[in-house]
Amino acid sequence: MSPRRPPRPLTPRRAYRRAVRDLDTVRARDPSVRSRTEALLHPAVLAIWSHRVAHRLHRRGLRRTARLCSVLARLATGGIEIHPGATIGRGFFIDHGAGVVIGETAVIGDDVTIFHQVTLGSVGWWHDRERGAGARRHPRVGNRVVIGANASLLGPITVGDDAVIGAQALVIDDVAGRARVLAPLARARTRTAATAPVPATRPVPPTAPALPRAAPTAPRSFPVW
């Protein structure tokens, strides 16, 4: 992963090249996008462009303005929350994007792909207080890393280059380069007679006791006049 370096002056030519690269990244990694015009409507593009503006404002000390830019981007993208302090490399792609959270001290390398509901967060504020001010609290992700849907990477861990984090994985330790971290797969179980649910039966109301029948009486005979 390339070391963190101060941002170079953003000229119109460099801004145009970055924008074109972002659009081409979306086209390359999302088969449903077939043109640059369609890529402009992808939520990942708006999230990344907004973060670049917010990140520059954050590094210049305009923290409130940067935070406002981040909040507006989260509302416009359906829940992609990237802190202005996070450092993100080139070729970054977010697929779908809903529920993505990237913390302040997170560092992401080049050509990284993450899916929806991914969290690059801290372990908790009670641990962050012990680390002291300025300490890294969030993950550092290398180049060409893929992070599956609903995965959570917590704490100041390091993920090496070309690693793959599977869906639903909870990662709290360092991951070596080219490693695969996968969550347990769901298993299908066959129901047997012992485990099959018993169908519910409607309770039968108790029947009233039968009343004793009266003894038959002999027919009356009437006199004939």
Foldseek 3Di string as FASTA:
>chain_A
DDDDDDDDDDDPVNVVVQLVQQLVLCVVPPVVDDDSVSSVPQLFSLQVVLLVVLLVCVVVPVQVVSVVSQVVSCVVSQGQHERSQEAEEGSEEEASRHQEEHDNQEYYYYNEYEYYNEYFEFPDVVVVVVVDPPDRGTDYEYYNEYEYANEYEYGHEYEEACEYEYHPHYHDHHHYHVYYHYDDDDDDDDDDPVRDDDDDDDDDDDDDDDDDDDDDDDDDDDDDD
